[in-house]
């Protein structure tokens, strides 16, 4: 049987942790299952194919919307391209069990990798295929110690609930990888030669999604690449939102409705989401929210000093591209389609508004990568809780009040961060604003306050001379590889 030829990608960067993990799996000399999931465009296929390109790979792809019979017909057609002998008539392959048993005859010996891509579509979001796979694994596939079974999908709830945690494959899916976006360092490597400022602007706008970064890197500057591929008619980013919800999360209309409700507000509680989309606040809603969280589209966050079950918990859009789309593309979508900005895409975006918006995106970035900030500040070895701060009292005193990032540390210290993503150095005027926040911040345990300013462009000399902040974090700190190591 022939295998899939994968050419070495000389431009492949990053993913060092995942590549090492996959290489270690390959060295076990034991039949293994790898379950990988993550949102579309995240780079799952490229990672798996590059990691195992030296093995014999046979790949079967699911297509959205096909029923079981059609999916089986398609994988049989794919199998026929790999083998050099007649296959059984189609009517003899009546179910997945028949297909797996046939496939096992070709992969009984040798270094084979059986790769099922978009598993949720192959299985039609049902467990029947997984049950048949369990039988085939126990009775056929695992008898070949050099065989790897790759189960890959872009619907996290299906991959976790129906594959990883299923009774059928319980304790059989030895390796699980949830693939996330590039870190800022990987994005820097991907966007070769670009300044730290350009890289951060791009990352805060479209996130660390390899495919997205590829599109913004098509021009002499990342901002020009962003505009040309956002505001010209039929441009990539103007159409990407539709692609997300016609292929990635198509099986339930509530995915899109939840995202669109969240786009209208900075945040919503669980009960507010349920009410706004017209769905009961029960298990179905939990599954929808978990899937959106698993894809990295939304996040649930709560005050740093409360647990996740608090009624103060909020949901917000986490995906940078979605935030960008709703802020800058959707309001002028009709004009974009009509080609109004074709000759001057940069004219579609007001830079003042854009840079102010980048500040909000940077605040989310800092909360997400709190462990890097803790490393920079030198207390990563101390147990801490981190997050934003807000409560009912501060909400009543000042609507929208929030301290963006707080670390409550086990060494009796509260590290409170002021986050500024400006186009110039921060001036002394920040002190008054920070003092106002401190006046509303409760410190019942009388912990030591550690004041930190996070401002990529740095602080001006007058502010530094005052010595008000205990630590100032800049681009140099955030892009220092030493601060990203465990």
Protein backbone atom coordinates (compact mmCIF):
# COMPACT_ATOMS: atom_id res chain seq x y z
CA UNK A 1 0.00 0.00 0.00
CA UNK A 2 1.23 3.47 -0.87
CA UNK A 3 1.33 6.22 1.73
CA UNK A 4 0.81 9.95 1.65
CA UNK A 5 3.89 11.92 0.57
CA UNK A 6 4.50 14.89 2.85
CA UNK A 7 7.11 17.37 1.70
CA UNK A 8 9.26 18.88 4.43
CA UNK A 9 8.11 22.40 5.25
CA UNK A 10 11.32 24.40 5.57
CA UNK A 11 9.29 27.37 6.82
CA UNK A 12 7.72 25.42 9.68
CA UNK A 13 8.37 27.19 12.98
CA UNK A 14 7.43 26.86 16.62
CA UNK A 15 5.45 24.05 18.24
CA UNK A 16 8.61 22.76 19.95
CA UNK A 17 6.67 21.39 22.94
CA UNK A 18 4.17 19.54 20.77
CA UNK A 19 6.85 18.24 18.37
CA UNK A 20 8.84 16.81 21.26
CA UNK A 21 5.74 15.16 22.69
CA UNK A 22 4.86 13.60 19.32
CA UNK A 23 8.47 12.48 18.80
CA UNK A 24 8.45 10.79 22.21
CA UNK A 25 5.22 8.97 21.29
CA UNK A 26 6.85 7.76 18.08
CA UNK A 27 9.77 6.33 20.07
CA UNK A 28 7.62 4.21 22.38
CA UNK A 29 7.47 1.31 19.90
CA UNK A 30 3.96 0.67 21.12
CA UNK A 31 0.67 1.07 19.27
CA UNK A 32 -0.69 4.44 20.34
CA UNK A 33 -3.64 6.75 19.85
CA UNK A 34 -3.13 10.52 19.60
CA UNK A 35 -6.19 12.72 20.00
CA UNK A 36 -5.67 16.30 18.85
CA UNK A 37 -8.23 19.10 18.75
CA UNK A 38 -8.33 22.85 18.32
CA UNK A 39 -10.06 25.56 16.32
CA UNK A 40 -9.81 25.76 12.54
CA UNK A 41 -6.72 27.51 11.11
CA UNK A 42 -4.72 26.66 14.24
CA UNK A 43 -2.32 24.39 12.35
CA UNK A 44 -3.31 20.88 13.46
CA UNK A 45 -2.83 19.27 10.05
CA UNK A 46 0.55 20.89 9.39
CA UNK A 47 1.85 19.92 12.82
CA UNK A 48 0.79 16.26 12.55
CA UNK A 49 1.99 15.85 8.99
CA UNK A 50 5.38 17.43 9.68
CA UNK A 51 5.82 15.47 12.91
CA UNK A 52 5.12 12.12 11.24
CA UNK A 53 6.23 12.78 7.64
CA UNK A 54 8.86 10.03 7.86
CA UNK A 55 6.21 7.43 8.70
CA UNK A 56 3.75 5.78 6.30
CA UNK A 57 0.69 8.03 6.59
CA UNK A 58 -2.76 7.16 5.27
CA UNK A 59 -5.15 10.03 5.77
CA UNK A 60 -8.96 10.06 5.68
CA UNK A 61 -10.80 13.37 5.80
CA UNK A 62 -14.35 13.98 6.92
CA UNK A 63 -16.59 16.31 4.96
CA UNK A 64 -19.24 18.38 6.67
CA UNK A 65 -22.84 17.51 5.94
CA UNK A 66 -22.39 14.00 4.51
CA UNK A 67 -24.30 11.13 6.08
CA UNK A 68 -22.64 7.87 7.19
CA UNK A 69 -23.08 6.16 3.82
CA UNK A 70 -21.54 9.13 1.99
CA UNK A 71 -18.64 9.40 4.45
CA UNK A 72 -17.93 5.69 4.01
CA UNK A 73 -18.02 6.04 0.23
CA UNK A 74 -15.54 8.88 0.47
CA UNK A 75 -13.05 7.08 2.74
CA UNK A 76 -13.28 3.98 0.54
CA UNK A 77 -12.43 6.21 -2.40
CA UNK A 78 -9.48 7.60 -0.46
CA UNK A 79 -8.33 4.08 0.47
CA UNK A 80 -8.49 3.02 -3.18
CA UNK A 81 -5.86 5.67 -3.99
CA UNK A 82 -3.45 4.10 -1.49
CA UNK A 83 -3.80 0.43 -2.50
CA UNK A 84 -2.75 -1.27 -5.70
CA UNK A 85 -5.37 -3.98 -5.79
CA UNK A 86 -9.15 -4.16 -6.22
CA UNK A 87 -11.19 -3.28 -3.15
CA UNK A 88 -14.32 -5.16 -2.08
CA UNK A 89 -17.52 -3.89 -3.71
CA UNK A 90 -19.00 -0.87 -1.97
CA UNK A 91 -22.07 -2.80 -0.82
CA UNK A 92 -19.84 -5.10 1.24
CA UNK A 93 -18.62 -2.18 3.39
CA UNK A 94 -21.84 -1.47 5.21
CA UNK A 95 -20.54 0.27 8.32
CA UNK A 96 -17.42 1.64 9.99
CA UNK A 97 -16.62 -1.74 11.50
CA UNK A 98 -16.31 -3.23 8.02
CA UNK A 99 -14.07 -0.36 6.89
CA UNK A 100 -11.78 -0.57 9.92
CA UNK A 101 -11.38 -4.32 9.52
CA UNK A 102 -10.47 -3.84 5.85
CA UNK A 103 -8.00 -1.07 6.68
CA UNK A 104 -6.39 -3.25 9.35
CA UNK A 105 -5.41 -5.84 6.74
CA UNK A 106 -3.21 -3.24 5.02
CA UNK A 107 -1.64 -1.86 8.21
CA UNK A 108 -1.03 -5.08 10.18
CA UNK A 109 2.76 -4.71 9.95
CA UNK A 110 5.09 -1.77 9.37
CA UNK A 111 5.39 1.81 10.57
CA UNK A 112 1.89 3.01 9.72
CA UNK A 113 0.08 6.16 10.80
CA UNK A 114 -3.69 6.11 10.30
CA UNK A 115 -4.87 9.71 10.34
CA UNK A 116 -8.57 10.64 10.61
CA UNK A 117 -9.07 14.37 10.09
CA UNK A 118 -12.25 16.26 11.11
CA UNK A 119 -13.39 13.21 13.03
CA UNK A 120 -16.60 14.89 14.17
CA UNK A 121 -17.79 15.03 10.55
CA UNK A 122 -16.75 11.46 9.79
CA UNK A 123 -18.74 10.35 12.83
CA UNK A 124 -21.63 12.75 12.22
CA UNK A 125 -21.24 13.81 15.86
CA UNK A 126 -22.40 10.32 16.93
CA UNK A 127 -20.74 7.60 18.97
CA UNK A 128 -21.38 4.68 16.61
CA UNK A 129 -18.13 5.19 14.73
CA UNK A 130 -16.18 5.52 17.98
CA UNK A 131 -17.63 2.23 19.26
CA UNK A 132 -16.62 0.48 16.04
CA UNK A 133 -13.17 2.04 16.31
CA UNK A 134 -12.81 0.70 19.86
CA UNK A 135 -13.48 -2.84 18.62
CA UNK A 136 -11.07 -2.44 15.72
CA UNK A 137 -8.37 -1.04 18.00
CA UNK A 138 -8.66 -3.85 20.53
CA UNK A 139 -8.80 -6.63 17.96
CA UNK A 140 -6.70 -5.38 15.05
CA UNK A 141 -4.85 -2.09 15.13
CA UNK A 142 -3.05 -2.32 18.48
CA UNK A 143 -1.49 -5.66 17.52
CA UNK A 144 0.92 -3.71 15.31
CA UNK A 145 3.41 -2.14 17.80
CA UNK A 146 4.50 0.43 15.19
CA UNK A 147 1.02 1.73 14.42
CA UNK A 148 -0.15 5.22 15.36
CA UNK A 149 -3.80 6.24 15.21
CA UNK A 150 -4.34 9.99 14.88
CA UNK A 151 -7.81 11.29 15.72
CA UNK A 152 -8.06 14.97 14.89
CA UNK A 153 -11.00 17.33 15.07
CA UNK A 154 -12.06 20.97 15.33
CA UNK A 155 -15.02 20.47 17.68
CA UNK A 156 -13.49 20.23 21.17
CA UNK A 157 -16.64 19.11 22.98
CA UNK A 158 -17.05 16.15 20.62
CA UNK A 159 -13.38 15.23 20.77
CA UNK A 160 -13.30 15.44 24.58
CA UNK A 161 -16.71 14.03 25.50
CA UNK A 162 -17.17 11.45 22.75
CA UNK A 163 -13.55 10.41 22.17
CA UNK A 164 -11.23 11.20 25.09
CA UNK A 165 -13.82 10.56 27.81
CA UNK A 166 -15.93 8.02 25.98
CA UNK A 167 -16.53 4.62 27.53
CA UNK A 168 -15.57 3.11 24.20
CA UNK A 169 -12.03 4.52 24.16
CA UNK A 170 -11.56 5.02 27.89
CA UNK A 171 -7.89 4.51 28.78
CA UNK A 172 -7.14 3.76 25.15
CA UNK A 173 -6.52 7.32 23.94
CA UNK A 174 -3.16 7.49 25.61
CA UNK A 175 -2.18 10.94 24.36
CA UNK A 176 -4.28 14.10 24.21
CA UNK A 177 -3.16 17.41 22.71
CA UNK A 178 -5.27 20.56 22.75
CA UNK A 179 -3.51 22.75 20.17
CA UNK A 180 -3.46 26.44 21.00
CA UNK A 181 -2.46 29.54 19.08
CA UNK A 182 1.16 30.61 18.63
CA UNK A 183 2.77 32.43 21.52
CA UNK A 184 4.00 35.95 20.82
CA UNK A 185 7.54 34.55 20.45
CA UNK A 186 6.41 32.05 17.83
CA UNK A 187 4.56 34.85 16.05
CA UNK A 188 7.77 36.90 16.09
CA UNK A 189 9.65 34.01 14.49
CA UNK A 190 6.84 33.51 11.95
CA UNK A 191 6.82 37.23 11.00
CA UNK A 192 10.51 37.35 10.22
CA UNK A 193 12.18 40.74 10.40
CA UNK A 194 9.20 42.63 11.82
CA UNK A 195 9.62 44.91 14.83
CA UNK A 196 8.30 43.98 18.26
CA UNK A 197 5.67 46.71 17.92
CA UNK A 198 4.44 45.42 14.55
CA UNK A 199 4.33 41.85 15.79
CA UNK A 200 2.34 42.78 18.88
CA UNK A 201 -0.10 44.94 16.89
CA UNK A 202 -0.74 42.05 14.50
CA UNK A 203 -1.02 39.50 17.29
CA UNK A 204 -3.45 41.62 19.30
CA UNK A 205 -5.58 42.09 16.18
CA UNK A 206 -5.86 38.59 14.71
CA UNK A 207 -4.28 36.42 17.40
CA UNK A 208 -1.59 33.79 17.09
CA UNK A 209 -3.38 31.88 14.34
CA UNK A 210 -0.75 30.86 11.74
CA UNK A 211 -3.06 31.29 8.76
CA UNK A 212 -4.12 34.75 9.91
CA UNK A 213 -0.55 35.89 10.47
CA UNK A 214 0.31 34.64 7.00
CA UNK A 215 -2.29 37.00 5.51
CA UNK A 216 -1.20 40.11 7.42
CA UNK A 217 2.39 39.42 6.35
CA UNK A 218 1.64 39.76 2.64
CA UNK A 219 2.62 43.46 2.40
CA UNK A 220 5.58 45.66 3.28
CA UNK A 221 4.02 46.45 6.66
CA UNK A 222 1.74 44.32 8.80
CA UNK A 223 -0.78 47.16 9.15
CA UNK A 224 -1.01 47.51 5.36
CA UNK A 225 -1.39 43.74 5.04
CA UNK A 226 -4.16 43.81 7.63
CA UNK A 227 -6.06 46.61 5.88
CA UNK A 228 -5.69 45.23 2.35
CA UNK A 229 -6.98 41.85 3.48
CA UNK A 230 -9.82 43.25 5.60
CA UNK A 231 -11.44 46.11 3.72
CA UNK A 232 -11.15 45.24 0.03
CA UNK A 233 -14.15 43.46 -1.49
CA UNK A 234 -14.06 39.69 -0.92
CA UNK A 235 -10.90 40.01 1.17
CA UNK A 236 -9.81 37.20 3.46
CA UNK A 237 -10.68 38.70 6.83
CA UNK A 238 -13.98 40.18 5.65
CA UNK A 239 -15.16 36.67 4.72
CA UNK A 240 -13.49 34.63 7.47
CA UNK A 241 -16.31 35.12 9.98
CA UNK A 242 -18.75 33.33 7.67
CA UNK A 243 -16.30 30.49 7.15
CA UNK A 244 -16.01 29.96 10.90
CA UNK A 245 -19.74 29.47 11.27
CA UNK A 246 -20.40 27.51 8.09
CA UNK A 247 -17.80 24.85 8.67
CA UNK A 248 -16.33 24.92 12.16
CA UNK A 249 -19.44 25.34 14.32
CA UNK A 250 -22.21 24.68 11.88
CA UNK A 251 -24.20 21.99 13.65
CA UNK A 252 -25.87 24.34 16.14
CA UNK A 253 -27.16 27.85 15.45
CA UNK A 254 -26.61 28.91 19.06
CA UNK A 255 -22.84 29.06 18.64
CA UNK A 256 -23.18 32.02 16.33
CA UNK A 257 -25.94 33.62 18.38
CA UNK A 258 -23.87 33.49 21.59
CA UNK A 259 -20.89 35.11 19.86
CA UNK A 260 -23.06 37.84 18.36
CA UNK A 261 -24.71 38.61 21.70
CA UNK A 262 -21.30 38.85 23.36
CA UNK A 263 -20.11 41.18 20.58
CA UNK A 264 -22.72 43.72 21.67
CA UNK A 265 -21.42 43.90 25.24
CA UNK A 266 -18.03 43.77 26.89
CA UNK A 267 -19.25 40.76 28.84
CA UNK A 268 -22.37 38.79 29.81
CA UNK A 269 -23.21 36.47 32.69
CA UNK A 270 -24.38 32.93 32.02
CA UNK A 271 -28.00 33.85 32.79
CA UNK A 272 -27.79 36.88 30.49
CA UNK A 273 -26.50 34.70 27.66
CA UNK A 274 -29.31 32.20 28.20
CA UNK A 275 -31.91 34.96 28.13
CA UNK A 276 -30.45 36.77 25.12
CA UNK A 277 -30.33 33.66 22.89
CA UNK A 278 -33.52 32.06 24.24
CA UNK A 279 -32.12 28.84 25.69
CA UNK A 280 -32.41 27.17 29.08
CA UNK A 281 -29.43 27.64 31.40
CA UNK A 282 -28.75 23.92 31.67
CA UNK A 283 -26.59 21.19 30.21
CA UNK A 284 -27.12 22.21 26.59
CA UNK A 285 -25.90 25.72 27.29
CA UNK A 286 -22.93 24.31 29.23
CA UNK A 287 -21.95 22.19 26.23
CA UNK A 288 -22.18 25.17 23.88
CA UNK A 289 -20.13 27.41 26.15
CA UNK A 290 -17.54 24.68 26.77
CA UNK A 291 -17.15 24.16 23.02
CA UNK A 292 -16.70 27.88 22.36
CA UNK A 293 -14.18 28.04 25.21
CA UNK A 294 -12.38 24.96 23.92
CA UNK A 295 -11.98 26.61 20.52
CA UNK A 296 -10.58 29.72 22.18
CA UNK A 297 -13.46 31.86 20.92
CA UNK A 298 -14.73 32.96 24.34
CA UNK A 299 -13.49 32.90 27.92
CA UNK A 300 -15.14 32.68 31.29
CA UNK A 301 -13.50 34.85 33.90
CA UNK A 302 -14.23 35.89 37.45
CA UNK A 303 -12.70 38.11 40.13
CA UNK A 304 -9.28 36.82 41.18
CA UNK A 305 -10.53 36.34 44.75
CA UNK A 306 -13.58 34.23 43.83
CA UNK A 307 -13.86 30.72 42.49
CA UNK A 308 -15.26 29.84 39.07
CA UNK A 309 -18.70 29.08 40.49
CA UNK A 310 -19.37 32.64 41.61
CA UNK A 311 -22.37 34.45 40.20
CA UNK A 312 -20.01 37.28 39.32
CA UNK A 313 -18.46 35.11 36.58
CA UNK A 314 -18.56 36.69 33.15
CA UNK A 315 -18.19 35.49 29.59
CA UNK A 316 -16.45 37.56 26.97
CA UNK A 317 -15.08 37.07 23.45
CA UNK A 318 -11.47 35.93 23.70
CA UNK A 319 -10.61 35.37 20.04
CA UNK A 320 -8.80 38.46 18.77
CA UNK A 321 -10.03 38.11 15.18
CA UNK A 322 -13.68 37.96 16.29
CA UNK A 323 -13.22 41.11 18.38
CA UNK A 324 -11.59 42.81 15.40
CA UNK A 325 -14.29 41.67 13.00
CA UNK A 326 -17.16 43.01 15.12
CA UNK A 327 -15.40 46.29 15.86
CA UNK A 328 -14.02 47.24 12.45
CA UNK A 329 -15.39 44.99 9.69
CA UNK A 330 -19.02 44.21 10.46
CA UNK A 331 -20.14 47.88 10.85
CA UNK A 332 -18.98 48.66 7.27
CA UNK A 333 -19.57 45.22 5.77
CA UNK A 334 -21.89 46.52 3.08
CA UNK A 335 -19.41 49.17 1.95
CA UNK A 336 -16.66 46.56 1.83
CA UNK A 337 -18.78 44.32 -0.40
CA UNK A 338 -19.51 47.28 -2.68
CA UNK A 339 -15.78 47.93 -3.09
CA UNK A 340 -15.84 51.38 -1.50
CA UNK A 341 -12.39 50.88 0.03
CA UNK A 342 -10.75 48.89 -2.77
CA UNK A 343 -8.42 51.73 -3.76
CA UNK A 344 -7.65 52.83 -0.22
CA UNK A 345 -8.21 50.03 2.31
CA UNK A 346 -6.36 51.98 5.02
CA UNK A 347 -9.05 54.65 4.79
CA UNK A 348 -11.59 52.25 6.28
CA UNK A 349 -10.06 52.30 9.74
CA UNK A 350 -9.58 55.26 12.08
CA UNK A 351 -6.15 54.83 13.59
CA UNK A 352 -7.03 56.54 16.89
CA UNK A 353 -9.93 54.16 17.43
CA UNK A 354 -7.80 51.20 16.36
CA UNK A 355 -4.96 51.93 18.76
CA UNK A 356 -7.37 52.51 21.64
CA UNK A 357 -8.96 49.15 20.84
CA UNK A 358 -5.51 47.50 20.81
CA UNK A 359 -5.21 48.58 24.44
CA UNK A 360 -8.24 46.50 25.39
CA UNK A 361 -6.86 43.55 23.47
CA UNK A 362 -3.54 43.91 25.30
CA UNK A 363 -5.33 43.78 28.65
CA UNK A 364 -6.84 40.42 27.68
CA UNK A 365 -3.42 39.23 26.51
CA UNK A 366 -1.86 40.09 29.87
CA UNK A 367 -4.55 38.19 31.78
CA UNK A 368 -4.10 35.16 29.53
CA UNK A 369 -0.31 35.11 29.84
CA UNK A 370 -0.18 35.94 33.53
CA UNK A 371 2.50 33.31 34.08
CA UNK A 372 4.92 35.23 31.85
CA UNK A 373 4.33 38.41 33.84
CA UNK A 374 4.85 36.49 37.09
CA UNK A 375 8.16 35.20 35.70
CA UNK A 376 9.26 38.72 34.74
CA UNK A 377 8.39 39.98 38.22
CA UNK A 378 10.29 37.18 39.88
CA UNK A 379 7.55 35.43 41.86
CA UNK A 380 6.58 32.59 39.51
CA UNK A 381 7.72 30.13 42.16
CA UNK A 382 5.24 31.53 44.68
CA UNK A 383 1.69 30.19 44.69
CA UNK A 384 -0.74 32.84 43.49
CA UNK A 385 -4.22 33.50 42.15
CA UNK A 386 -4.54 35.98 39.31
CA UNK A 387 -7.22 37.71 37.33
CA UNK A 388 -9.13 40.94 37.13
CA UNK A 389 -10.92 42.56 40.04
CA UNK A 390 -14.51 43.75 40.20
CA UNK A 391 -17.39 43.27 42.62
CA UNK A 392 -20.92 44.50 43.24
CA UNK A 393 -19.78 47.40 45.40
CA UNK A 394 -17.29 48.80 42.89
CA UNK A 395 -19.75 48.27 40.05
CA UNK A 396 -22.27 50.44 41.92
CA UNK A 397 -19.73 53.13 42.80
CA UNK A 398 -18.29 53.36 39.31
CA UNK A 399 -19.94 51.58 36.41
CA UNK A 400 -17.46 49.52 34.44
CA UNK A 401 -14.78 49.70 37.13
CA UNK A 402 -12.23 46.92 36.86
CA UNK A 403 -8.62 46.38 37.85
CA UNK A 404 -7.31 44.50 34.86
CA UNK A 405 -4.76 42.22 36.49
CA UNK A 406 -4.15 41.34 40.14
CA UNK A 407 -1.94 38.64 41.65
CA UNK A 408 -2.86 37.55 45.17
CA UNK A 409 0.31 35.88 46.35
CA UNK A 410 0.94 33.35 49.11
CA UNK A 411 3.79 35.55 50.41
CA UNK A 412 1.22 38.12 51.67
CA UNK A 413 1.64 40.47 48.70
CA UNK A 414 -0.90 41.86 46.25
CA UNK A 415 0.67 42.65 42.89
CA UNK A 416 -1.65 45.14 41.17
CA UNK A 417 -0.96 45.90 37.52
CA UNK A 418 -1.79 49.00 35.51
CA UNK A 419 -1.81 48.06 31.82
CA UNK A 420 -1.18 50.66 29.10
CA UNK A 421 -0.70 49.88 25.42
CA UNK A 422 0.17 53.31 24.04
CA UNK A 423 2.02 54.56 20.97
CA UNK A 424 4.37 56.55 23.18
CA UNK A 425 5.88 56.36 26.65
CA UNK A 426 3.53 56.54 29.63
CA UNK A 427 3.61 59.82 31.54
CA UNK A 428 3.11 60.73 35.20
CA UNK A 429 -0.62 61.29 34.61
CA UNK A 430 -1.08 57.53 35.10
CA UNK A 431 -0.44 57.92 38.83
CA UNK A 432 -3.72 59.74 39.52
CA UNK A 433 -5.69 57.10 37.61
CA UNK A 434 -3.95 54.27 39.45
CA UNK A 435 -4.50 55.90 42.85
CA UNK A 436 -8.22 56.14 42.10
CA UNK A 437 -8.31 52.39 41.41
CA UNK A 438 -6.42 51.64 44.60
CA UNK A 439 -8.95 53.68 46.57
CA UNK A 440 -11.70 51.32 45.41
CA UNK A 441 -9.65 48.17 45.84
CA UNK A 442 -10.33 46.27 49.08
CA UNK A 443 -7.34 45.04 51.07
CA UNK A 444 -8.99 43.52 54.12
CA UNK A 445 -5.96 41.36 54.97
CA UNK A 446 -3.68 44.41 54.84
CA UNK A 447 -1.32 42.78 52.38
CA UNK A 448 1.68 44.61 50.95
CA UNK A 449 0.79 46.37 47.69
CA UNK A 450 3.24 45.76 44.84
CA UNK A 451 2.57 48.31 42.08
CA UNK A 452 3.40 47.34 38.51
CA UNK A 453 3.09 49.25 35.25
CA UNK A 454 2.91 47.16 32.06
CA UNK A 455 3.60 49.45 29.11
CA UNK A 456 5.40 48.00 26.08
CA UNK A 457 6.84 51.36 24.98
CA UNK A 458 8.04 52.10 28.52
CA UNK A 459 7.60 55.06 30.86
CA UNK A 460 9.04 58.55 30.38
CA UNK A 461 11.90 59.70 32.54
CA UNK A 462 9.74 61.97 34.68
CA UNK A 463 7.56 59.04 35.72
CA UNK A 464 10.57 56.81 36.31
CA UNK A 465 12.19 59.50 38.47
CA UNK A 466 9.17 59.55 40.76
CA UNK A 467 9.76 55.89 41.60
CA UNK A 468 6.01 55.40 42.06
CA UNK A 469 5.81 51.97 40.42
CA UNK A 470 7.85 49.14 41.85
CA UNK A 471 8.36 47.59 38.42
CA UNK A 472 7.85 48.70 34.81
CA UNK A 473 7.43 45.94 32.18
CA UNK A 474 8.28 46.78 28.53
CA UNK A 475 8.50 45.10 25.11
CA UNK A 476 12.01 43.90 25.94
CA UNK A 477 10.68 41.97 28.93
CA UNK A 478 7.66 40.54 27.13
CA UNK A 479 9.74 39.36 24.15
CA UNK A 480 12.60 37.88 26.20
CA UNK A 481 12.58 34.12 25.59
CA UNK A 482 13.90 33.48 29.10
CA UNK A 483 10.61 34.71 30.53
CA UNK A 484 8.66 32.09 28.55
CA UNK A 485 10.55 29.09 29.86
CA UNK A 486 9.07 26.95 32.59
